[in-house]
Amino acid sequence: MSRLRVHTFSISIDGYGAGPSQDLQNPLGVGGPTLFDWFFHTRTWQRMHGNEDGETSVDDDIAAQGFAGIGRPRLLRRRASRPQLKRNL
């Protein structure tokens, strides 16, 4: 049996990992990207995308801890939101 280990997954205070009404145009749901807004400004996120800037705050400390020791990070979207993979579900 395969194992999956999830790191750095954001959830809202009420326990949701995506906004309502997920579809192909809104893979994280309507308003879903706001769950990750804290992360997009960190130096960790910026360096993952080839930038040298980014905020160095407690948010960056938490983001860096989430990626420590796991190799190359991969940010995956919900599998069903990718039309080319729907046939494999």
N, C-alpha and C. Protein backbone atom coordinates (compact mmCIF):
# COMPACT_ATOMS: atom_id res chain seq x y z
N MET A 1 0.83 -1.17 0.00
CA MET A 1 0.00 0.00 0.00
C MET A 1 0.89 1.24 0.00
N SER A 2 0.56 2.21 -0.84
CA SER A 2 1.29 3.47 -0.90
C SER A 2 0.95 4.34 0.28
N ARG A 3 1.89 5.19 0.63
CA ARG A 3 1.67 6.15 1.70
C ARG A 3 1.79 7.55 1.14
N LEU A 4 1.03 8.43 1.71
CA LEU A 4 1.07 9.83 1.31
C LEU A 4 1.27 10.66 2.56
N ARG A 5 2.25 11.53 2.52
CA ARG A 5 2.52 12.41 3.64
C ARG A 5 2.31 13.84 3.15
N VAL A 6 1.45 14.57 3.80
CA VAL A 6 1.11 15.92 3.39
C VAL A 6 1.80 16.92 4.31
N HIS A 7 2.47 17.89 3.69
CA HIS A 7 3.13 18.97 4.41
C HIS A 7 2.54 20.29 3.94
N THR A 8 2.57 21.26 4.78
CA THR A 8 2.23 22.65 4.44
C THR A 8 0.87 22.78 3.79
N PHE A 9 -0.14 22.21 4.36
CA PHE A 9 -1.50 22.32 3.85
C PHE A 9 -2.26 23.32 4.70
N SER A 10 -2.78 24.36 4.07
CA SER A 10 -3.52 25.38 4.81
C SER A 10 -4.97 24.99 4.97
N ILE A 11 -5.51 25.26 6.13
CA ILE A 11 -6.94 25.11 6.36
C ILE A 11 -7.44 26.35 7.08
N SER A 12 -8.70 26.64 6.89
CA SER A 12 -9.30 27.78 7.58
C SER A 12 -9.54 27.41 9.04
N ILE A 13 -9.86 28.41 9.84
CA ILE A 13 -10.07 28.15 11.26
C ILE A 13 -11.25 27.22 11.52
N ASP A 14 -12.19 27.15 10.55
CA ASP A 14 -13.32 26.24 10.71
C ASP A 14 -13.10 24.90 10.01
N GLY A 15 -11.84 24.64 9.57
CA GLY A 15 -11.48 23.30 9.11
C GLY A 15 -11.57 23.04 7.62
N TYR A 16 -11.78 24.05 6.82
CA TYR A 16 -11.89 23.84 5.38
C TYR A 16 -10.56 24.08 4.67
N GLY A 17 -10.25 23.27 3.65
CA GLY A 17 -9.03 23.41 2.88
C GLY A 17 -9.27 24.02 1.52
N ALA A 18 -10.51 24.39 1.22
CA ALA A 18 -10.87 25.05 -0.04
C ALA A 18 -12.14 25.84 0.20
N GLY A 19 -12.40 26.77 -0.69
CA GLY A 19 -13.63 27.54 -0.62
C GLY A 19 -14.80 26.78 -1.22
N PRO A 20 -15.99 27.33 -1.16
CA PRO A 20 -17.16 26.66 -1.73
C PRO A 20 -17.15 26.70 -3.25
N SER A 21 -17.92 25.85 -3.86
CA SER A 21 -18.15 25.84 -5.31
C SER A 21 -16.88 25.57 -6.11
N GLN A 22 -16.18 24.48 -5.82
CA GLN A 22 -15.01 24.11 -6.60
C GLN A 22 -15.44 23.70 -8.01
N ASP A 23 -14.70 24.16 -9.00
CA ASP A 23 -14.90 23.76 -10.38
C ASP A 23 -13.60 24.00 -11.14
N LEU A 24 -13.61 23.80 -12.46
CA LEU A 24 -12.39 23.96 -13.24
C LEU A 24 -11.86 25.39 -13.22
N GLN A 25 -12.75 26.37 -13.15
CA GLN A 25 -12.32 27.76 -13.11
C GLN A 25 -11.85 28.16 -11.71
N ASN A 26 -12.31 27.48 -10.69
CA ASN A 26 -11.97 27.78 -9.29
C ASN A 26 -11.54 26.49 -8.59
N PRO A 27 -10.33 25.96 -8.90
CA PRO A 27 -9.93 24.67 -8.33
C PRO A 27 -9.81 24.67 -6.81
N LEU A 28 -9.62 25.85 -6.21
CA LEU A 28 -9.61 25.95 -4.75
C LEU A 28 -10.93 26.49 -4.22
N GLY A 29 -11.92 26.55 -5.07
CA GLY A 29 -13.22 27.08 -4.69
C GLY A 29 -13.24 28.60 -4.78
N VAL A 30 -14.44 29.16 -4.73
CA VAL A 30 -14.59 30.61 -4.77
C VAL A 30 -13.98 31.19 -3.50
N GLY A 31 -13.00 32.05 -3.66
CA GLY A 31 -12.31 32.64 -2.52
C GLY A 31 -11.26 31.75 -1.89
N GLY A 32 -11.06 30.55 -2.43
CA GLY A 32 -10.10 29.61 -1.86
C GLY A 32 -8.67 30.10 -1.76
N PRO A 33 -8.17 30.82 -2.78
CA PRO A 33 -6.78 31.30 -2.69
C PRO A 33 -6.51 32.20 -1.48
N THR A 34 -7.54 32.80 -0.90
CA THR A 34 -7.31 33.64 0.27
C THR A 34 -6.82 32.82 1.46
N LEU A 35 -7.07 31.51 1.45
CA LEU A 35 -6.56 30.65 2.52
C LEU A 35 -5.03 30.61 2.51
N PHE A 36 -4.45 30.84 1.34
CA PHE A 36 -3.01 30.74 1.18
C PHE A 36 -2.32 32.10 1.08
N ASP A 37 -3.07 33.17 1.25
CA ASP A 37 -2.52 34.51 1.10
C ASP A 37 -1.33 34.74 2.02
N TRP A 38 -1.37 34.19 3.21
CA TRP A 38 -0.25 34.35 4.16
C TRP A 38 1.04 33.78 3.58
N PHE A 39 0.91 32.75 2.76
CA PHE A 39 2.06 32.02 2.24
C PHE A 39 2.69 32.69 1.02
N PHE A 40 1.86 33.29 0.17
CA PHE A 40 2.35 33.86 -1.08
C PHE A 40 3.37 34.97 -0.87
N HIS A 41 3.34 35.64 0.26
CA HIS A 41 4.23 36.76 0.52
C HIS A 41 5.55 36.34 1.19
N THR A 42 5.67 35.09 1.57
CA THR A 42 6.87 34.66 2.29
C THR A 42 8.07 34.49 1.37
N ARG A 43 9.24 34.58 1.96
CA ARG A 43 10.47 34.35 1.21
C ARG A 43 10.51 32.90 0.70
N THR A 44 10.00 31.97 1.47
CA THR A 44 9.97 30.56 1.05
C THR A 44 9.22 30.42 -0.27
N TRP A 45 8.02 30.97 -0.37
CA TRP A 45 7.23 30.90 -1.61
C TRP A 45 7.94 31.62 -2.75
N GLN A 46 8.44 32.81 -2.47
CA GLN A 46 9.10 33.60 -3.51
C GLN A 46 10.32 32.88 -4.07
N ARG A 47 11.10 32.25 -3.21
CA ARG A 47 12.29 31.51 -3.69
C ARG A 47 11.90 30.28 -4.48
N MET A 48 10.78 29.65 -4.14
CA MET A 48 10.30 28.51 -4.91
C MET A 48 9.99 28.91 -6.35
N HIS A 49 9.73 30.20 -6.55
CA HIS A 49 9.37 30.71 -7.87
C HIS A 49 10.46 31.58 -8.48
N GLY A 50 11.69 31.43 -7.99
CA GLY A 50 12.85 32.07 -8.58
C GLY A 50 13.07 33.52 -8.19
N ASN A 51 12.36 34.02 -7.21
CA ASN A 51 12.54 35.39 -6.75
C ASN A 51 13.41 35.40 -5.50
N GLU A 52 14.12 36.48 -5.29
CA GLU A 52 14.98 36.58 -4.12
C GLU A 52 14.34 37.35 -2.97
N ASP A 53 13.22 38.01 -3.24
CA ASP A 53 12.59 38.80 -2.18
C ASP A 53 11.57 37.96 -1.42
N GLY A 54 10.78 38.60 -0.63
CA GLY A 54 9.77 37.93 0.17
C GLY A 54 9.92 38.29 1.64
N GLU A 55 8.82 38.21 2.34
CA GLU A 55 8.81 38.59 3.75
C GLU A 55 9.47 37.53 4.62
N THR A 56 10.19 38.00 5.61
CA THR A 56 10.81 37.10 6.59
C THR A 56 10.16 37.38 7.94
N SER A 57 9.09 36.70 8.20
CA SER A 57 8.34 36.87 9.44
C SER A 57 8.06 35.48 10.01
N VAL A 58 7.24 35.43 11.01
CA VAL A 58 6.87 34.14 11.59
C VAL A 58 6.19 33.26 10.53
N ASP A 59 5.47 33.88 9.58
CA ASP A 59 4.85 33.11 8.50
C ASP A 59 5.91 32.40 7.66
N ASP A 60 7.01 33.09 7.37
CA ASP A 60 8.07 32.46 6.60
C ASP A 60 8.74 31.35 7.40
N ASP A 61 8.89 31.54 8.69
CA ASP A 61 9.46 30.49 9.54
C ASP A 61 8.61 29.22 9.47
N ILE A 62 7.29 29.39 9.55
CA ILE A 62 6.38 28.23 9.50
C ILE A 62 6.41 27.59 8.12
N ALA A 63 6.42 28.41 7.06
CA ALA A 63 6.48 27.88 5.70
C ALA A 63 7.76 27.09 5.48
N ALA A 64 8.89 27.62 5.92
CA ALA A 64 10.17 26.93 5.76
C ALA A 64 10.19 25.62 6.53
N GLN A 65 9.63 25.59 7.72
CA GLN A 65 9.57 24.34 8.50
C GLN A 65 8.76 23.28 7.77
N GLY A 66 7.70 23.71 7.09
CA GLY A 66 6.85 22.76 6.37
C GLY A 66 7.56 22.08 5.22
N PHE A 67 8.54 22.75 4.63
CA PHE A 67 9.27 22.18 3.50
C PHE A 67 10.61 21.58 3.89
N ALA A 68 11.01 21.69 5.14
CA ALA A 68 12.31 21.19 5.59
C ALA A 68 12.38 19.66 5.47
N GLY A 69 13.41 19.17 4.82
CA GLY A 69 13.67 17.73 4.78
C GLY A 69 12.78 16.92 3.87
N ILE A 70 12.04 17.56 2.96
CA ILE A 70 11.17 16.76 2.09
C ILE A 70 11.60 16.81 0.63
N GLY A 71 12.77 17.36 0.35
CA GLY A 71 13.23 17.41 -1.03
C GLY A 71 12.56 18.51 -1.81
N ARG A 72 12.44 18.30 -3.09
CA ARG A 72 11.87 19.33 -3.96
C ARG A 72 10.37 19.44 -3.72
N PRO A 73 9.90 20.65 -3.36
CA PRO A 73 8.46 20.80 -3.11
C PRO A 73 7.65 20.76 -4.39
N ARG A 74 6.47 20.19 -4.30
CA ARG A 74 5.55 20.15 -5.42
C ARG A 74 4.21 20.67 -4.92
N LEU A 75 3.68 21.61 -5.63
CA LEU A 75 2.37 22.14 -5.29
C LEU A 75 1.36 21.51 -6.23
N LEU A 76 0.47 20.72 -5.68
CA LEU A 76 -0.49 19.98 -6.50
C LEU A 76 -1.89 20.56 -6.35
N ARG A 77 -2.58 20.56 -7.45
CA ARG A 77 -3.98 20.96 -7.42
C ARG A 77 -4.83 19.71 -7.27
N ARG A 78 -6.07 19.92 -6.97
CA ARG A 78 -7.01 18.82 -6.86
C ARG A 78 -7.02 18.05 -8.18
N ARG A 79 -6.81 16.76 -8.13
CA ARG A 79 -6.65 15.94 -9.32
C ARG A 79 -7.85 16.07 -10.27
N ALA A 80 -9.05 16.10 -9.74
CA ALA A 80 -10.24 16.17 -10.58
C ALA A 80 -10.36 17.49 -11.33
N SER A 81 -9.60 18.49 -10.92
CA SER A 81 -9.69 19.78 -11.60
C SER A 81 -8.86 19.81 -12.87
N ARG A 82 -8.07 18.78 -13.11
CA ARG A 82 -7.25 18.74 -14.33
C ARG A 82 -7.94 17.85 -15.36
N PRO A 83 -8.49 18.44 -16.41
CA PRO A 83 -9.29 17.66 -17.37
C PRO A 83 -8.54 16.48 -17.97
N GLN A 84 -7.25 16.60 -18.21
CA GLN A 84 -6.51 15.51 -18.84
C GLN A 84 -6.40 14.28 -17.94
N LEU A 85 -6.64 14.43 -16.64
CA LEU A 85 -6.54 13.30 -15.72
C LEU A 85 -7.91 12.74 -15.33
N LYS A 86 -8.99 13.38 -15.71
CA LYS A 86 -10.31 12.92 -15.31
C LYS A 86 -10.59 11.50 -15.75
N ARG A 87 -10.06 11.11 -16.89
CA ARG A 87 -10.32 9.76 -17.39
C ARG A 87 -9.73 8.69 -16.48
N ASN A 88 -8.75 9.05 -15.63
CA ASN A 88 -8.10 8.08 -14.76
C ASN A 88 -8.78 7.96 -13.39
N LEU A 89 -9.81 8.75 -13.15
CA LEU A 89 -10.46 8.70 -11.83
C LEU A 89 -11.36 7.50 -11.68
